[in-house]
Amino acid sequence: MLKFIDPDHPFYRPLWIRLLIVGFCGVWTVVEFLGEQTMWGMIFLAVTAYASAALLVFYRPSEKGVEKAGDEGQGKGDGSDAAG
């Protein structure tokens, strides 16, 4: 099935990014309705509903992303593992 938003992508992991995307879509929906552009308002209403469902309601962080983030953080730190 075609995914318009891939919630497994690491870009969508922080909550503030997901809220910002859904909020922007919602604000743009209001702008279109206030401008009396009913067709575009309905289109962006559907986009807002889809984005909020995909990024907020049904969002589950992938295990692959959690493991990858943990592996990246192991090499950094206090430098106690450095030779010298």
PDB file of N, CA and C in Angstrom:
ATOM      1  N   MET A   1       0.826  -1.182   0.000  1.00  0.00           N
ATOM      2  CA  MET A   1       0.000   0.000   0.000  1.00  0.00           C
ATOM      3  C   MET A   1       0.875   1.252   0.000  1.00  0.00           C
ATOM      4  N   LEU A   2       0.450   2.269  -0.691  1.00  0.00           N
ATOM      5  CA  LEU A   2       1.188   3.515  -0.799  1.00  0.00           C
ATOM      6  C   LEU A   2       1.064   4.316   0.495  1.00  0.00           C
ATOM      7  N   LYS A   3       2.208   4.728   1.037  1.00  0.00           N
ATOM      8  CA  LYS A   3       2.215   5.561   2.230  1.00  0.00           C
ATOM      9  C   LYS A   3       2.581   6.981   1.825  1.00  0.00           C
ATOM     10  N   PHE A   4       1.731   7.927   2.137  1.00  0.00           N
ATOM     11  CA  PHE A   4       2.062   9.318   1.869  1.00  0.00           C
ATOM     12  C   PHE A   4       3.018   9.844   2.930  1.00  0.00           C
ATOM     13  N   ILE A   5       2.879   9.343   4.146  1.00  0.00           N
ATOM     14  CA  ILE A   5       3.779   9.686   5.244  1.00  0.00           C
ATOM     15  C   ILE A   5       4.325   8.381   5.783  1.00  0.00           C
ATOM     16  N   ASP A   6       5.658   8.267   5.828  1.00  0.00           N
ATOM     17  CA  ASP A   6       6.283   7.062   6.365  1.00  0.00           C
ATOM     18  C   ASP A   6       6.637   7.316   7.833  1.00  0.00           C
ATOM     19  N   PRO A   7       5.805   6.883   8.767  1.00  0.00           N
ATOM     20  CA  PRO A   7       6.069   7.180  10.178  1.00  0.00           C
ATOM     21  C   PRO A   7       7.299   6.473  10.732  1.00  0.00           C
ATOM     22  N   ASP A   8       7.866   5.519   9.993  1.00  0.00           N
ATOM     23  CA  ASP A   8       9.068   4.835  10.461  1.00  0.00           C
ATOM     24  C   ASP A   8      10.339   5.637  10.182  1.00  0.00           C
ATOM     25  N   HIS A   9      10.231   6.713   9.412  1.00  0.00           N
ATOM     26  CA  HIS A   9      11.407   7.523   9.103  1.00  0.00           C
ATOM     27  C   HIS A   9      11.860   8.248  10.365  1.00  0.00           C
ATOM     28  N   PRO A  10      13.174   8.313  10.610  1.00  0.00           N
ATOM     29  CA  PRO A  10      13.670   8.948  11.839  1.00  0.00           C
ATOM     30  C   PRO A  10      13.307  10.429  11.973  1.00  0.00           C
ATOM     31  N   PHE A  11      12.988  11.088  10.859  1.00  0.00           N
ATOM     32  CA  PHE A  11      12.610  12.495  10.908  1.00  0.00           C
ATOM     33  C   PHE A  11      11.377  12.715  11.775  1.00  0.00           C
ATOM     34  N   TYR A  12      10.453  11.767  11.783  1.00  0.00           N
ATOM     35  CA  TYR A  12       9.191  11.917  12.503  1.00  0.00           C
ATOM     36  C   TYR A  12       9.277  11.466  13.959  1.00  0.00           C
ATOM     37  N   ARG A  13      10.429  11.077  14.450  1.00  0.00           N
ATOM     38  CA  ARG A  13      10.564  10.569  15.804  1.00  0.00           C
ATOM     39  C   ARG A  13      10.262  11.618  16.888  1.00  0.00           C
ATOM     40  N   PRO A  14      10.793  12.853  16.788  1.00  0.00           N
ATOM     41  CA  PRO A  14      10.471  13.839  17.834  1.00  0.00           C
ATOM     42  C   PRO A  14       9.009  14.277  17.767  1.00  0.00           C
ATOM     43  N   LEU A  15       8.397  14.370  18.931  1.00  0.00           N
ATOM     44  CA  LEU A  15       6.985  14.747  19.006  1.00  0.00           C
ATOM     45  C   LEU A  15       6.754  16.146  18.471  1.00  0.00           C
ATOM     46  N   TRP A  16       7.655  17.077  18.728  1.00  0.00           N
ATOM     47  CA  TRP A  16       7.441  18.455  18.303  1.00  0.00           C
ATOM     48  C   TRP A  16       7.382  18.580  16.786  1.00  0.00           C
ATOM     49  N   ILE A  17       8.112  17.753  16.058  1.00  0.00           N
ATOM     50  CA  ILE A  17       8.055  17.792  14.595  1.00  0.00           C
ATOM     51  C   ILE A  17       6.695  17.301  14.117  1.00  0.00           C
ATOM     52  N   ARG A  18       6.209  16.228  14.718  1.00  0.00           N
ATOM     53  CA  ARG A  18       4.897  15.702  14.328  1.00  0.00           C
ATOM     54  C   ARG A  18       3.792  16.699  14.642  1.00  0.00           C
ATOM     55  N   LEU A  19       3.862  17.349  15.803  1.00  0.00           N
ATOM     56  CA  LEU A  19       2.870  18.360  16.159  1.00  0.00           C
ATOM     57  C   LEU A  19       2.945  19.569  15.225  1.00  0.00           C
ATOM     58  N   LEU A  20       4.154  19.963  14.853  1.00  0.00           N
ATOM     59  CA  LEU A  20       4.331  21.091  13.948  1.00  0.00           C
ATOM     60  C   LEU A  20       3.721  20.813  12.577  1.00  0.00           C
ATOM     61  N   ILE A  21       3.905  19.622  12.056  1.00  0.00           N
ATOM     62  CA  ILE A  21       3.350  19.255  10.752  1.00  0.00           C
ATOM     63  C   ILE A  21       1.830  19.257  10.797  1.00  0.00           C
ATOM     64  N   VAL A  22       1.254  18.627  11.809  1.00  0.00           N
ATOM     65  CA  VAL A  22      -0.199  18.575  11.927  1.00  0.00           C
ATOM     66  C   VAL A  22      -0.760  19.981  12.160  1.00  0.00           C
ATOM     67  N   GLY A  23      -0.088  20.766  12.980  1.00  0.00           N
ATOM     68  CA  GLY A  23      -0.533  22.135  13.234  1.00  0.00           C
ATOM     69  C   GLY A  23      -0.497  22.998  11.984  1.00  0.00           C
ATOM     70  N   PHE A  24       0.567  22.872  11.201  1.00  0.00           N
ATOM     71  CA  PHE A  24       0.671  23.639   9.960  1.00  0.00           C
ATOM     72  C   PHE A  24      -0.448  23.259   8.998  1.00  0.00           C
ATOM     73  N   CYS A  25      -0.715  21.969   8.873  1.00  0.00           N
ATOM     74  CA  CYS A  25      -1.802  21.523   7.994  1.00  0.00           C
ATOM     75  C   CYS A  25      -3.149  22.073   8.476  1.00  0.00           C
ATOM     76  N   GLY A  26      -3.362  22.072   9.787  1.00  0.00           N
ATOM     77  CA  GLY A  26      -4.604  22.596  10.327  1.00  0.00           C
ATOM     78  C   GLY A  26      -4.762  24.091  10.097  1.00  0.00           C
ATOM     79  N   VAL A  27      -3.679  24.836  10.295  1.00  0.00           N
ATOM     80  CA  VAL A  27      -3.722  26.281  10.061  1.00  0.00           C
ATOM     81  C   VAL A  27      -3.984  26.560   8.583  1.00  0.00           C
ATOM     82  N   TRP A  28      -3.345  25.800   7.704  1.00  0.00           N
ATOM     83  CA  TRP A  28      -3.551  26.023   6.280  1.00  0.00           C
ATOM     84  C   TRP A  28      -4.988  25.678   5.867  1.00  0.00           C
ATOM     85  N   THR A  29      -5.585  24.703   6.515  1.00  0.00           N
ATOM     86  CA  THR A  29      -6.988  24.373   6.262  1.00  0.00           C
ATOM     87  C   THR A  29      -7.878  25.565   6.615  1.00  0.00           C
ATOM     88  N   VAL A  30      -7.634  26.169   7.757  1.00  0.00           N
ATOM     89  CA  VAL A  30      -8.414  27.334   8.185  1.00  0.00           C
ATOM     90  C   VAL A  30      -8.225  28.490   7.206  1.00  0.00           C
ATOM     91  N   VAL A  31      -6.984  28.705   6.758  1.00  0.00           N
ATOM     92  CA  VAL A  31      -6.708  29.780   5.796  1.00  0.00           C
ATOM     93  C   VAL A  31      -7.520  29.581   4.523  1.00  0.00           C
ATOM     94  N   GLU A  32      -7.577  28.363   4.039  1.00  0.00           N
ATOM     95  CA  GLU A  32      -8.316  28.097   2.809  1.00  0.00           C
ATOM     96  C   GLU A  32      -9.812  28.319   2.996  1.00  0.00           C
ATOM     97  N   PHE A  33     -10.360  27.884   4.125  1.00  0.00           N
ATOM     98  CA  PHE A  33     -11.785  28.104   4.369  1.00  0.00           C
ATOM     99  C   PHE A  33     -12.104  29.585   4.571  1.00  0.00           C
ATOM    100  N   LEU A  34     -11.227  30.328   5.253  1.00  0.00           N
ATOM    101  CA  LEU A  34     -11.454  31.760   5.436  1.00  0.00           C
ATOM    102  C   LEU A  34     -11.354  32.521   4.121  1.00  0.00           C
ATOM    103  N   GLY A  35     -10.560  32.011   3.203  1.00  0.00           N
ATOM    104  CA  GLY A  35     -10.448  32.616   1.886  1.00  0.00           C
ATOM    105  C   GLY A  35     -11.551  32.164   0.944  1.00  0.00           C
ATOM    106  N   GLU A  36     -12.530  31.469   1.478  1.00  0.00           N
ATOM    107  CA  GLU A  36     -13.687  30.971   0.727  1.00  0.00           C
ATOM    108  C   GLU A  36     -13.287  30.041  -0.418  1.00  0.00           C
ATOM    109  N   GLN A  37     -12.230  29.287  -0.208  1.00  0.00           N
ATOM    110  CA  GLN A  37     -11.791  28.276  -1.161  1.00  0.00           C
ATOM    111  C   GLN A  37     -12.195  26.910  -0.611  1.00  0.00           C
ATOM    112  N   THR A  38     -13.456  26.573  -0.805  1.00  0.00           N
ATOM    113  CA  THR A  38     -14.028  25.384  -0.190  1.00  0.00           C
ATOM    114  C   THR A  38     -13.353  24.104  -0.666  1.00  0.00           C
ATOM    115  N   MET A  39     -13.060  24.016  -1.965  1.00  0.00           N
ATOM    116  CA  MET A  39     -12.439  22.796  -2.485  1.00  0.00           C
ATOM    117  C   MET A  39     -11.068  22.565  -1.843  1.00  0.00           C
ATOM    118  N   TRP A  40     -10.228  23.610  -1.821  1.00  0.00           N
ATOM    119  CA  TRP A  40      -8.906  23.463  -1.220  1.00  0.00           C
ATOM    120  C   TRP A  40      -9.015  23.243   0.291  1.00  0.00           C
ATOM    121  N   GLY A  41     -10.011  23.854   0.906  1.00  0.00           N
ATOM    122  CA  GLY A  41     -10.239  23.638   2.326  1.00  0.00           C
ATOM    123  C   GLY A  41     -10.556  22.188   2.630  1.00  0.00           C
ATOM    124  N   MET A  42     -11.377  21.566   1.803  1.00  0.00           N
ATOM    125  CA  MET A  42     -11.707  20.149   1.991  1.00  0.00           C
ATOM    126  C   MET A  42     -10.494  19.263   1.746  1.00  0.00           C
ATOM    127  N   ILE A  43      -9.698  19.620   0.724  1.00  0.00           N
ATOM    128  CA  ILE A  43      -8.481  18.841   0.441  1.00  0.00           C
ATOM    129  C   ILE A  43      -7.535  18.903   1.632  1.00  0.00           C
ATOM    130  N   PHE A  44      -7.294  20.097   2.159  1.00  0.00           N
ATOM    131  CA  PHE A  44      -6.384  20.218   3.294  1.00  0.00           C
ATOM    132  C   PHE A  44      -6.984  19.686   4.585  1.00  0.00           C
ATOM    133  N   LEU A  45      -8.291  19.648   4.684  1.00  0.00           N
ATOM    134  CA  LEU A  45      -8.926  18.998   5.826  1.00  0.00           C
ATOM    135  C   LEU A  45      -8.626  17.501   5.804  1.00  0.00           C
ATOM    136  N   ALA A  46      -8.686  16.912   4.619  1.00  0.00           N
ATOM    137  CA  ALA A  46      -8.347  15.487   4.481  1.00  0.00           C
ATOM    138  C   ALA A  46      -6.865  15.256   4.779  1.00  0.00           C
ATOM    139  N   VAL A  47      -6.002  16.153   4.294  1.00  0.00           N
ATOM    140  CA  VAL A  47      -4.562  16.033   4.564  1.00  0.00           C
ATOM    141  C   VAL A  47      -4.299  16.145   6.058  1.00  0.00           C
ATOM    142  N   THR A  48      -4.961  17.075   6.720  1.00  0.00           N
ATOM    143  CA  THR A  48      -4.796  17.251   8.167  1.00  0.00           C
ATOM    144  C   THR A  48      -5.264  16.013   8.923  1.00  0.00           C
ATOM    145  N   ALA A  49      -6.385  15.466   8.519  1.00  0.00           N
ATOM    146  CA  ALA A  49      -6.904  14.260   9.179  1.00  0.00           C
ATOM    147  C   ALA A  49      -5.947  13.089   8.992  1.00  0.00           C
ATOM    148  N   TYR A  50      -5.434  12.930   7.770  1.00  0.00           N
ATOM    149  CA  TYR A  50      -4.499  11.833   7.498  1.00  0.00           C
ATOM    150  C   TYR A  50      -3.205  12.016   8.285  1.00  0.00           C
ATOM    151  N   ALA A  51      -2.669  13.233   8.292  1.00  0.00           N
ATOM    152  CA  ALA A  51      -1.412  13.495   9.007  1.00  0.00           C
ATOM    153  C   ALA A  51      -1.584  13.288  10.509  1.00  0.00           C
ATOM    154  N   SER A  52      -2.704  13.737  11.055  1.00  0.00           N
ATOM    155  CA  SER A  52      -2.899  13.561  12.497  1.00  0.00           C
ATOM    156  C   SER A  52      -3.087  12.089  12.853  1.00  0.00           C
ATOM    157  N   ALA A  53      -3.759  11.344  11.994  1.00  0.00           N
ATOM    158  CA  ALA A  53      -3.914   9.914  12.261  1.00  0.00           C
ATOM    159  C   ALA A  53      -2.585   9.191  12.151  1.00  0.00           C
ATOM    160  N   ALA A  54      -1.817   9.480  11.099  1.00  0.00           N
ATOM    161  CA  ALA A  54      -0.553   8.773  10.866  1.00  0.00           C
ATOM    162  C   ALA A  54       0.530   9.175  11.858  1.00  0.00           C
ATOM    163  N   LEU A  55       0.574  10.455  12.243  1.00  0.00           N
ATOM    164  CA  LEU A  55       1.683  10.946  13.064  1.00  0.00           C
ATOM    165  C   LEU A  55       1.364  11.050  14.554  1.00  0.00           C
ATOM    166  N   LEU A  56       0.079  11.052  14.912  1.00  0.00           N
ATOM    167  CA  LEU A  56      -0.250  11.201  16.328  1.00  0.00           C
ATOM    168  C   LEU A  56      -1.044  10.028  16.881  1.00  0.00           C
ATOM    169  N   VAL A  57      -2.117   9.646  16.212  1.00  0.00           N
ATOM    170  CA  VAL A  57      -3.009   8.630  16.759  1.00  0.00           C
ATOM    171  C   VAL A  57      -2.406   7.233  16.647  1.00  0.00           C
ATOM    172  N   PHE A  58      -1.998   6.846  15.443  1.00  0.00           N
ATOM    173  CA  PHE A  58      -1.514   5.490  15.209  1.00  0.00           C
ATOM    174  C   PHE A  58       0.013   5.388  15.207  1.00  0.00           C
ATOM    175  N   TYR A  59       0.712   6.438  15.624  1.00  0.00           N
ATOM    176  CA  TYR A  59       2.183   6.449  15.576  1.00  0.00           C
ATOM    177  C   TYR A  59       2.763   5.510  16.624  1.00  0.00           C
ATOM    178  N   ARG A  60       3.622   4.631  16.188  1.00  0.00           N
ATOM    179  CA  ARG A  60       4.387   3.746  17.071  1.00  0.00           C
ATOM    180  C   ARG A  60       5.833   3.797  16.600  1.00  0.00           C
ATOM    181  N   PRO A  61       6.757   4.210  17.464  1.00  0.00           N
ATOM    182  CA  PRO A  61       8.161   4.261  17.034  1.00  0.00           C
ATOM    183  C   PRO A  61       8.657   2.874  16.669  1.00  0.00           C
ATOM    184  N   SER A  62       9.400   2.803  15.594  1.00  0.00           N
ATOM    185  CA  SER A  62       9.904   1.504  15.155  1.00  0.00           C
ATOM    186  C   SER A  62      11.060   1.072  16.051  1.00  0.00           C
ATOM    187  N   GLU A  63      11.177  -0.216  16.251  1.00  0.00           N
ATOM    188  CA  GLU A  63      12.273  -0.766  17.056  1.00  0.00           C
ATOM    189  C   GLU A  63      13.609  -0.543  16.362  1.00  0.00           C
ATOM    190  N   LYS A  64      13.584  -0.545  15.038  1.00  0.00           N
ATOM    191  CA  LYS A  64      14.797  -0.331  14.268  1.00  0.00           C
ATOM    192  C   LYS A  64      15.381   1.049  14.555  1.00  0.00           C
ATOM    193  N   GLY A  65      14.524   2.061  14.636  1.00  0.00           N
ATOM    194  CA  GLY A  65      14.965   3.422  14.913  1.00  0.00           C
ATOM    195  C   GLY A  65      15.507   3.569  16.322  1.00  0.00           C
ATOM    196  N   VAL A  66      14.912   2.860  17.283  1.00  0.00           N
ATOM    197  CA  VAL A  66      15.371   2.925  18.670  1.00  0.00           C
ATOM    198  C   VAL A  66      16.749   2.301  18.793  1.00  0.00           C
ATOM    199  N   GLU A  67      16.955   1.146  18.171  1.00  0.00           N
ATOM    200  CA  GLU A  67      18.253   0.482  18.223  1.00  0.00           C
ATOM    201  C   GLU A  67      19.321   1.323  17.542  1.00  0.00           C
ATOM    202  N   LYS A  68      19.003   1.909  16.416  1.00  0.00           N
ATOM    203  CA  LYS A  68      19.966   2.715  15.678  1.00  0.00           C
ATOM    204  C   LYS A  68      20.358   3.940  16.492  1.00  0.00           C
ATOM    205  N   ALA A  69      19.392   4.589  17.141  1.00  0.00           N
ATOM    206  CA  ALA A  69      19.681   5.760  17.959  1.00  0.00           C
ATOM    207  C   ALA A  69      20.556   5.361  19.145  1.00  0.00           C
ATOM    208  N   GLY A  70      20.326   4.193  19.714  1.00  0.00           N
ATOM    209  CA  GLY A  70      21.144   3.719  20.826  1.00  0.00           C
ATOM    210  C   GLY A  70      22.562   3.404  20.403  1.00  0.00           C
ATOM    211  N   ASP A  71      22.747   2.837  19.220  1.00  0.00           N
ATOM    212  CA  ASP A  71      24.085   2.525  18.718  1.00  0.00           C
ATOM    213  C   ASP A  71      24.881   3.787  18.448  1.00  0.00           C
ATOM    214  N   GLU A  72      24.246   4.831  17.938  1.00  0.00           N
ATOM    215  CA  GLU A  72      24.944   6.069  17.639  1.00  0.00           C
ATOM    216  C   GLU A  72      25.411   6.755  18.915  1.00  0.00           C
ATOM    217  N   GLY A  73      24.670   6.638  19.980  1.00  0.00           N
ATOM    218  CA  GLY A  73      25.014   7.298  21.228  1.00  0.00           C
ATOM    219  C   GLY A  73      26.109   6.590  21.997  1.00  0.00           C
ATOM    220  N   GLN A  74      26.424   5.325  21.692  1.00  0.00           N
ATOM    221  CA  GLN A  74      27.427   4.582  22.445  1.00  0.00           C
ATOM    222  C   GLN A  74      28.834   5.067  22.163  1.00  0.00           C
ATOM    223  N   GLY A  75      29.112   5.516  20.965  1.00  0.00           N
ATOM    224  CA  GLY A  75      30.457   5.940  20.604  1.00  0.00           C
ATOM    225  C   GLY A  75      30.816   7.300  21.152  1.00  0.00           C
ATOM    226  N   LYS A  76      29.858   8.064  21.612  1.00  0.00           N
ATOM    227  CA  LYS A  76      30.087   9.406  22.110  1.00  0.00           C
ATOM    228  C   LYS A  76      30.004   9.395  23.637  1.00  0.00           C
ATOM    229  N   GLY A  77      30.559  10.396  24.224  1.00  0.00           N
ATOM    230  CA  GLY A  77      30.418  10.468  25.675  1.00  0.00           C
ATOM    231  C   GLY A  77      31.603  11.118  26.322  1.00  0.00           C
ATOM    232  N   ASP A  78      32.075  10.521  27.424  1.00  0.00           N
ATOM    233  CA  ASP A  78      33.111  11.151  28.213  1.00  0.00           C
ATOM    234  C   ASP A  78      34.509  10.910  27.676  1.00  0.00           C
ATOM    235  N   GLY A  79      34.675  10.074  26.691  1.00  0.00           N
ATOM    236  CA  GLY A  79      35.986   9.827  26.095  1.00  0.00           C
ATOM    237  C   GLY A  79      36.798   8.813  26.858  1.00  0.00           C
ATOM    238  N   SER A  80      36.200   8.094  27.794  1.00  0.00           N
ATOM    239  CA  SER A  80      36.937   7.132  28.606  1.00  0.00           C
ATOM    240  C   SER A  80      37.388   5.925  27.777  1.00  0.00           C
ATOM    241  N   ASP A  81      36.755   5.698  26.631  1.00  0.00           N
ATOM    242  CA  ASP A  81      37.138   4.561  25.816  1.00  0.00           C
ATOM    243  C   ASP A  81      38.241   4.939  24.815  1.00  0.00           C
ATOM    244  N   ALA A  82      38.680   6.184  24.809  1.00  0.00           N
ATOM    245  CA  ALA A  82      39.718   6.620  23.879  1.00  0.00           C
ATOM    246  C   ALA A  82      41.087   6.238  24.444  1.00  0.00           C
ATOM    247  N   ALA A  83      41.966   5.852  23.548  1.00  0.00           N
ATOM    248  CA  ALA A  83      43.319   5.484  23.954  1.00  0.00           C
ATOM    249  C   ALA A  83      44.120   6.748  24.245  1.00  0.00           C
ATOM    250  N   GLY A  84      44.956   6.682  25.259  1.00  0.00           N
ATOM    251  CA  GLY A  84      45.825   7.837  25.457  1.00  0.00           C
ATOM    252  C   GLY A  84      45.881   8.233  26.819  1.00  0.00           C
TER     253      GLY A  84
END
